[in-house]
PDB file of all heavy atoms in Angstrom:
ATOM      1  N   ALA A   1     136.773  85.285  -5.173  1.00  0.00           N
ATOM      2  CA  ALA A   1     137.533  86.535  -5.242  1.00  0.00           C
ATOM      3  C   ALA A   1     137.510  87.274  -3.905  1.00  0.00           C
ATOM      4  O   ALA A   1     138.540  87.797  -3.445  1.00  0.00           O
ATOM      5  CB  ALA A   1     136.977  87.431  -6.346  1.00  0.00           C
ATOM      6  N   ARG A   2     136.334  87.317  -3.268  1.00  0.00           N
ATOM      7  CA  ARG A   2     136.241  88.020  -1.971  1.00  0.00           C
ATOM      8  C   ARG A   2     137.081  87.316  -0.914  1.00  0.00           C
ATOM      9  O   ARG A   2     137.782  87.973  -0.135  1.00  0.00           O
ATOM     10  CB  ARG A   2     134.776  88.090  -1.551  1.00  0.00           C
ATOM     11  CG  ARG A   2     134.513  88.965  -0.328  1.00  0.00           C
ATOM     12  CD  ARG A   2     134.749  90.438  -0.610  1.00  0.00           C
ATOM     13  NE  ARG A   2     133.777  90.995  -1.516  1.00  0.00           N
ATOM     14  CZ  ARG A   2     132.682  91.673  -1.142  1.00  0.00           C
ATOM     15  NH1 ARG A   2     132.438  91.868   0.145  1.00  0.00           N
ATOM     16  NH2 ARG A   2     131.861  92.182  -2.049  1.00  0.00           N
ATOM     17  N   ARG A   3     137.037  85.981  -0.873  1.00  0.00           N
ATOM     18  CA  ARG A   3     137.825  85.234   0.117  1.00  0.00           C
ATOM     19  C   ARG A   3     139.330  85.374  -0.140  1.00  0.00           C
ATOM     20  O   ARG A   3     140.115  85.498   0.807  1.00  0.00           O
ATOM     21  CB  ARG A   3     137.443  83.751   0.092  1.00  0.00           C
ATOM     22  CG  ARG A   3     135.996  83.436   0.418  1.00  0.00           C
ATOM     23  CD  ARG A   3     135.642  83.748   1.877  1.00  0.00           C
ATOM     24  NE  ARG A   3     135.190  85.110   2.050  1.00  0.00           N
ATOM     25  CZ  ARG A   3     133.932  85.519   1.844  1.00  0.00           C
ATOM     26  NH1 ARG A   3     133.020  84.681   1.425  1.00  0.00           N
ATOM     27  NH2 ARG A   3     133.611  86.773   2.065  1.00  0.00           N
ATOM     28  N   VAL A   4     139.729  85.365  -1.416  1.00  0.00           N
ATOM     29  CA  VAL A   4     141.148  85.544  -1.722  1.00  0.00           C
ATOM     30  C   VAL A   4     141.598  86.950  -1.340  1.00  0.00           C
ATOM     31  O   VAL A   4     142.689  87.141  -0.803  1.00  0.00           O
ATOM     32  CB  VAL A   4     141.414  85.271  -3.219  1.00  0.00           C
ATOM     33  CG1 VAL A   4     142.830  85.685  -3.608  1.00  0.00           C
ATOM     34  CG2 VAL A   4     141.211  83.780  -3.522  1.00  0.00           C
ATOM     35  N   GLY A   5     140.746  87.941  -1.610  1.00  0.00           N
ATOM     36  CA  GLY A   5     141.074  89.305  -1.204  1.00  0.00           C
ATOM     37  C   GLY A   5     141.209  89.443   0.299  1.00  0.00           C
ATOM     38  O   GLY A   5     141.986  90.263   0.797  1.00  0.00           O
ATOM     39  N   GLU A   6     140.461  88.623   1.035  1.00  0.00           N
ATOM     40  CA  GLU A   6     140.531  88.615   2.497  1.00  0.00           C
ATOM     41  C   GLU A   6     141.656  87.719   3.016  1.00  0.00           C
ATOM     42  O   GLU A   6     141.795  87.547   4.229  1.00  0.00           O
ATOM     43  CB  GLU A   6     139.202  88.130   3.072  1.00  0.00           C
ATOM     44  CG  GLU A   6     138.032  89.071   2.800  1.00  0.00           C
ATOM     45  CD  GLU A   6     136.682  88.456   3.142  1.00  0.00           C
ATOM     46  OE1 GLU A   6     136.636  87.227   3.400  1.00  0.00           O
ATOM     47  OE2 GLU A   6     135.686  89.200   3.150  1.00  0.00           O
ATOM     48  N   LYS A   7     142.418  87.106   2.110  1.00  0.00           N
ATOM     49  CA  LYS A   7     143.521  86.207   2.460  1.00  0.00           C
ATOM     50  C   LYS A   7     143.023  84.970   3.211  1.00  0.00           C
ATOM     51  O   LYS A   7     143.602  84.531   4.209  1.00  0.00           O
ATOM     52  CB  LYS A   7     144.587  86.939   3.310  1.00  0.00           C
ATOM     53  CG  LYS A   7     145.037  88.276   2.744  1.00  0.00           C
ATOM     54  CD  LYS A   7     145.590  88.159   1.339  1.00  0.00           C
ATOM     55  CE  LYS A   7     146.039  89.522   0.791  1.00  0.00           C
ATOM     56  NZ  LYS A   7     146.441  89.458  -0.636  1.00  0.00           N
ATOM     57  N   ASP A   8     141.946  84.360   2.704  1.00  0.00           N
ATOM     58  CA  ASP A   8     141.364  83.158   3.302  1.00  0.00           C
ATOM     59  C   ASP A   8     141.237  82.079   2.225  1.00  0.00           C
ATOM     60  O   ASP A   8     140.138  81.775   1.740  1.00  0.00           O
ATOM     61  CB  ASP A   8     139.993  83.484   3.899  1.00  0.00           C
ATOM     62  CG  ASP A   8     139.442  82.344   4.755  1.00  0.00           C
ATOM     63  OD1 ASP A   8     140.084  81.272   4.794  1.00  0.00           O
ATOM     64  OD2 ASP A   8     138.368  82.522   5.362  1.00  0.00           O
ATOM     65  N   PRO A   9     142.353  81.442   1.823  1.00  0.00           N
ATOM     66  CA  PRO A   9     142.319  80.465   0.730  1.00  0.00           C
ATOM     67  C   PRO A   9     141.516  79.216   1.060  1.00  0.00           C
ATOM     68  O   PRO A   9     140.964  78.580   0.152  1.00  0.00           O
ATOM     69  CB  PRO A   9     143.795  80.136   0.506  1.00  0.00           C
ATOM     70  CG  PRO A   9     144.470  80.463   1.805  1.00  0.00           C
ATOM     71  CD  PRO A   9     143.712  81.633   2.365  1.00  0.00           C
ATOM     72  N   GLU A  10     141.438  78.817   2.337  1.00  0.00           N
ATOM     73  CA  GLU A  10     140.673  77.625   2.679  1.00  0.00           C
ATOM     74  C   GLU A  10     139.189  77.817   2.379  1.00  0.00           C
ATOM     75  O   GLU A  10     138.518  76.919   1.869  1.00  0.00           O
ATOM     76  CB  GLU A  10     140.884  77.283   4.158  1.00  0.00           C
ATOM     77  CG  GLU A  10     142.282  76.769   4.470  1.00  0.00           C
ATOM     78  CD  GLU A  10     142.402  76.283   5.904  1.00  0.00           C
ATOM     79  OE1 GLU A  10     141.373  76.274   6.611  1.00  0.00           O
ATOM     80  OE2 GLU A  10     143.517  75.907   6.305  1.00  0.00           O
ATOM     81  N   ALA A  11     138.662  78.999   2.703  1.00  0.00           N
ATOM     82  CA  ALA A  11     137.258  79.292   2.405  1.00  0.00           C
ATOM     83  C   ALA A  11     137.021  79.328   0.898  1.00  0.00           C
ATOM     84  O   ALA A  11     135.965  78.924   0.411  1.00  0.00           O
ATOM     85  CB  ALA A  11     136.847  80.610   3.048  1.00  0.00           C
ATOM     86  N   ALA A  12     137.999  79.808   0.150  1.00  0.00           N
ATOM     87  CA  ALA A  12     137.874  79.839  -1.310  1.00  0.00           C
ATOM     88  C   ALA A  12     137.786  78.417  -1.865  1.00  0.00           C
ATOM     89  O   ALA A  12     136.975  78.125  -2.748  1.00  0.00           O
ATOM     90  CB  ALA A  12     139.060  80.578  -1.918  1.00  0.00           C
ATOM     91  N   GLY A  13     138.616  77.515  -1.338  1.00  0.00           N
ATOM     92  CA  GLY A  13     138.572  76.128  -1.775  1.00  0.00           C
ATOM     93  C   GLY A  13     137.263  75.453  -1.408  1.00  0.00           C
ATOM     94  O   GLY A  13     136.708  74.676  -2.197  1.00  0.00           O
ATOM     95  N   ALA A  14     136.738  75.752  -0.217  1.00  0.00           N
ATOM     96  CA  ALA A  14     135.473  75.157   0.211  1.00  0.00           C
ATOM     97  C   ALA A  14     134.331  75.586  -0.704  1.00  0.00           C
ATOM     98  O   ALA A  14     133.473  74.770  -1.075  1.00  0.00           O
ATOM     99  CB  ALA A  14     135.168  75.564   1.645  1.00  0.00           C
ATOM    100  N   ALA A  15     134.313  76.842  -1.092  1.00  0.00           N
ATOM    101  CA  ALA A  15     133.269  77.324  -1.996  1.00  0.00           C
ATOM    102  C   ALA A  15     133.345  76.624  -3.346  1.00  0.00           C
ATOM    103  O   ALA A  15     132.318  76.302  -3.964  1.00  0.00           O
ATOM    104  CB  ALA A  15     133.392  78.835  -2.179  1.00  0.00           C
ATOM    105  N   THR A  16     134.541  76.355  -3.816  1.00  0.00           N
ATOM    106  CA  THR A  16     134.725  75.664  -5.096  1.00  0.00           C
ATOM    107  C   THR A  16     134.152  74.250  -5.050  1.00  0.00           C
ATOM    108  O   THR A  16     133.480  73.809  -5.990  1.00  0.00           O
ATOM    109  CB  THR A  16     136.217  75.614  -5.455  1.00  0.00           C
ATOM    110  OG1 THR A  16     136.737  76.952  -5.502  1.00  0.00           O
ATOM    111  CG2 THR A  16     136.434  74.939  -6.799  1.00  0.00           C
ATOM    112  N   VAL A  17     134.396  73.536  -3.954  1.00  0.00           N
ATOM    113  CA  VAL A  17     133.879  72.171  -3.816  1.00  0.00           C
ATOM    114  C   VAL A  17     132.359  72.158  -3.804  1.00  0.00           C
ATOM    115  O   VAL A  17     131.705  71.330  -4.469  1.00  0.00           O
ATOM    116  CB  VAL A  17     134.435  71.510  -2.542  1.00  0.00           C
ATOM    117  CG1 VAL A  17     133.736  70.169  -2.289  1.00  0.00           C
ATOM    118  CG2 VAL A  17     135.932  71.298  -2.660  1.00  0.00           C
ATOM    119  N   GLN A  18     131.750  73.080  -3.063  1.00  0.00           N
ATOM    120  CA  GLN A  18     130.295  73.107  -2.989  1.00  0.00           C
ATOM    121  C   GLN A  18     129.677  73.442  -4.343  1.00  0.00           C
ATOM    122  O   GLN A  18     128.605  72.937  -4.698  1.00  0.00           O
ATOM    123  CB  GLN A  18     129.838  74.112  -1.926  1.00  0.00           C
ATOM    124  CG  GLN A  18     130.409  73.878  -0.547  1.00  0.00           C
ATOM    125  CD  GLN A  18     130.361  72.411  -0.126  1.00  0.00           C
ATOM    126  OE1 GLN A  18     129.299  71.787  -0.116  1.00  0.00           O
ATOM    127  NE2 GLN A  18     131.520  71.846   0.208  1.00  0.00           N
ATOM    128  N   ALA A  19     130.358  74.279  -5.127  1.00  0.00           N
ATOM    129  CA  ALA A  19     129.881  74.580  -6.482  1.00  0.00           C
ATOM    130  C   ALA A  19     129.910  73.333  -7.354  1.00  0.00           C
ATOM    131  O   ALA A  19     128.991  73.098  -8.154  1.00  0.00           O
ATOM    132  CB  ALA A  19     130.733  75.683  -7.100  1.00  0.00           C
ATOM    133  N   MET A  20     130.931  72.525  -7.192  1.00  0.00           N
ATOM    134  CA  MET A  20     131.022  71.273  -7.957  1.00  0.00           C
ATOM    135  C   MET A  20     129.880  70.331  -7.591  1.00  0.00           C
ATOM    136  O   MET A  20     129.298  69.672  -8.469  1.00  0.00           O
ATOM    137  CB  MET A  20     132.372  70.608  -7.703  1.00  0.00           C
ATOM    138  CG  MET A  20     133.567  71.386  -8.270  1.00  0.00           C
ATOM    139  SD  MET A  20     135.160  70.795  -7.617  1.00  0.00           S
ATOM    140  CE  MET A  20     135.121  69.078  -8.131  1.00  0.00           C
ATOM    141  N   ILE A  21     129.538  70.252  -6.330  1.00  0.00           N
ATOM    142  CA  ILE A  21     128.442  69.385  -5.888  1.00  0.00           C
ATOM    143  C   ILE A  21     127.122  69.854  -6.488  1.00  0.00           C
ATOM    144  O   ILE A  21     126.331  69.058  -7.017  1.00  0.00           O
ATOM    145  CB  ILE A  21     128.364  69.369  -4.346  1.00  0.00           C
ATOM    146  CG1 ILE A  21     129.617  68.705  -3.761  1.00  0.00           C
ATOM    147  CG2 ILE A  21     127.095  68.652  -3.875  1.00  0.00           C
ATOM    148  CD1 ILE A  21     129.715  68.795  -2.245  1.00  0.00           C
ATOM    149  N   LEU A  22     126.873  71.152  -6.413  1.00  0.00           N
ATOM    150  CA  LEU A  22     125.652  71.706  -6.997  1.00  0.00           C
ATOM    151  C   LEU A  22     125.588  71.446  -8.497  1.00  0.00           C
ATOM    152  O   LEU A  22     124.554  71.054  -9.045  1.00  0.00           O
ATOM    153  CB  LEU A  22     125.589  73.215  -6.737  1.00  0.00           C
ATOM    154  CG  LEU A  22     125.152  73.671  -5.348  1.00  0.00           C
ATOM    155  CD1 LEU A  22     125.325  75.182  -5.225  1.00  0.00           C
ATOM    156  CD2 LEU A  22     123.710  73.286  -5.082  1.00  0.00           C
ATOM    157  N   GLY A  23     126.712  71.696  -9.180  1.00  0.00           N
ATOM    158  CA  GLY A  23     126.757  71.507 -10.624  1.00  0.00           C
ATOM    159  C   GLY A  23     126.468  70.076 -11.032  1.00  0.00           C
ATOM    160  O   GLY A  23     125.733  69.823 -12.002  1.00  0.00           O
ATOM    161  N   ALA A  24     127.025  69.115 -10.294  1.00  0.00           N
ATOM    162  CA  ALA A  24     126.808  67.700 -10.622  1.00  0.00           C
ATOM    163  C   ALA A  24     125.349  67.308 -10.456  1.00  0.00           C
ATOM    164  O   ALA A  24     124.786  66.569 -11.276  1.00  0.00           O
ATOM    165  CB  ALA A  24     127.691  66.827  -9.733  1.00  0.00           C
ATOM    166  N   ALA A  25     124.706  67.810  -9.410  1.00  0.00           N
ATOM    167  CA  ALA A  25     123.295  67.479  -9.168  1.00  0.00           C
ATOM    168  C   ALA A  25     122.413  68.039 -10.282  1.00  0.00           C
ATOM    169  O   ALA A  25     121.516  67.342 -10.799  1.00  0.00           O
ATOM    170  CB  ALA A  25     122.857  68.030  -7.813  1.00  0.00           C
ATOM    171  N   VAL A  26     122.644  69.281 -10.650  1.00  0.00           N
ATOM    172  CA  VAL A  26     121.828  69.899 -11.697  1.00  0.00           C
ATOM    173  C   VAL A  26     122.066  69.223 -13.043  1.00  0.00           C
ATOM    174  O   VAL A  26     121.132  69.004 -13.823  1.00  0.00           O
ATOM    175  CB  VAL A  26     122.136  71.410 -11.783  1.00  0.00           C
ATOM    176  CG1 VAL A  26     121.432  72.031 -12.981  1.00  0.00           C
ATOM    177  CG2 VAL A  26     121.710  72.107 -10.502  1.00  0.00           C
ATOM    178  N   ALA A  27     123.311  68.873 -13.329  1.00  0.00           N
ATOM    179  CA  ALA A  27     123.640  68.231 -14.607  1.00  0.00           C
ATOM    180  C   ALA A  27     122.907  66.902 -14.762  1.00  0.00           C
ATOM    181  O   ALA A  27     122.452  66.552 -15.865  1.00  0.00           O
ATOM    182  CB  ALA A  27     125.148  68.018 -14.714  1.00  0.00           C
ATOM    183  N   ALA A  28     122.775  66.153 -13.679  1.00  0.00           N
ATOM    184  CA  ALA A  28     122.085  64.863 -13.743  1.00  0.00           C
ATOM    185  C   ALA A  28     120.616  65.051 -14.124  1.00  0.00           C
ATOM    186  O   ALA A  28     120.080  64.326 -14.978  1.00  0.00           O
ATOM    187  CB  ALA A  28     122.201  64.147 -12.405  1.00  0.00           C
ATOM    188  N   VAL A  29     119.961  66.031 -13.512  1.00  0.00           N
ATOM    189  CA  VAL A  29     118.542  66.272 -13.800  1.00  0.00           C
ATOM    190  C   VAL A  29     118.343  66.734 -15.239  1.00  0.00           C
ATOM    191  O   VAL A  29     117.500  66.211 -15.981  1.00  0.00           O
ATOM    192  CB  VAL A  29     117.970  67.319 -12.821  1.00  0.00           C
ATOM    193  CG1 VAL A  29     116.538  67.669 -13.213  1.00  0.00           C
ATOM    194  CG2 VAL A  29     118.024  66.798 -11.393  1.00  0.00           C
ATOM    195  N   LEU A  30     119.130  67.718 -15.672  1.00  0.00           N
ATOM    196  CA  LEU A  30     118.996  68.241 -17.025  1.00  0.00           C
ATOM    197  C   LEU A  30     119.340  67.185 -18.073  1.00  0.00           C
ATOM    198  O   LEU A  30     118.729  67.128 -19.146  1.00  0.00           O
ATOM    199  CB  LEU A  30     119.893  69.464 -17.201  1.00  0.00           C
ATOM    200  CG  LEU A  30     119.508  70.709 -16.400  1.00  0.00           C
ATOM    201  CD1 LEU A  30     120.540  71.809 -16.605  1.00  0.00           C
ATOM    202  CD2 LEU A  30     118.127  71.199 -16.802  1.00  0.00           C
ATOM    203  N   GLY A  31     120.319  66.346 -17.759  1.00  0.00           N
ATOM    204  CA  GLY A  31     120.721  65.309 -18.704  1.00  0.00           C
ATOM    205  C   GLY A  31     119.610  64.311 -18.967  1.00  0.00           C
ATOM    206  O   GLY A  31     119.332  63.955 -20.117  1.00  0.00           O
ATOM    207  N   VAL A  32     118.946  63.853 -17.912  1.00  0.00           N
ATOM    208  CA  VAL A  32     117.863  62.885 -18.068  1.00  0.00           C
ATOM    209  C   VAL A  32     116.717  63.484 -18.882  1.00  0.00           C
ATOM    210  O   VAL A  32     116.186  62.870 -19.823  1.00  0.00           O
ATOM    211  CB  VAL A  32     117.361  62.418 -16.685  1.00  0.00           C
ATOM    212  CG1 VAL A  32     116.078  61.602 -16.837  1.00  0.00           C
ATOM    213  CG2 VAL A  32     118.435  61.593 -15.981  1.00  0.00           C
ATOM    214  N   LEU A  33     116.320  64.710 -18.548  1.00  0.00           N
ATOM    215  CA  LEU A  33     115.208  65.346 -19.261  1.00  0.00           C
ATOM    216  C   LEU A  33     115.540  65.576 -20.729  1.00  0.00           C
ATOM    217  O   LEU A  33     114.708  65.356 -21.615  1.00  0.00           O
ATOM    218  CB  LEU A  33     114.863  66.685 -18.588  1.00  0.00           C
ATOM    219  CG  LEU A  33     114.267  66.600 -17.182  1.00  0.00           C
ATOM    220  CD1 LEU A  33     114.081  67.998 -16.607  1.00  0.00           C
ATOM    221  CD2 LEU A  33     112.939  65.861 -17.211  1.00  0.00           C
ATOM    222  N   GLY A  34     116.761  66.022 -21.010  1.00  0.00           N
ATOM    223  CA  GLY A  34     117.141  66.317 -22.380  1.00  0.00           C
ATOM    224  C   GLY A  34     117.234  65.082 -23.254  1.00  0.00           C
ATOM    225  O   GLY A  34     116.828  65.098 -24.420  1.00  0.00           O
ATOM    226  N   VAL A  35     117.755  63.987 -22.714  1.00  0.00           N
ATOM    227  CA  VAL A  35     117.901  62.754 -23.496  1.00  0.00           C
ATOM    228  C   VAL A  35     116.540  62.150 -23.817  1.00  0.00           C
ATOM    229  O   VAL A  35     116.279  61.690 -24.932  1.00  0.00           O
ATOM    230  CB  VAL A  35     118.787  61.745 -22.741  1.00  0.00           C
ATOM    231  CG1 VAL A  35     118.742  60.386 -23.414  1.00  0.00           C
ATOM    232  CG2 VAL A  35     120.225  62.249 -22.676  1.00  0.00           C
TER     233      VAL A  35
END
């Protein structure tokens, strides 16, 4: 939201990708422990 408000869509997209990377790493750890 802050990057879009600043009219910087490329930075907004970069933040989205890094969130996906973090989410995938955490999901793998939690999945193994839970199963």
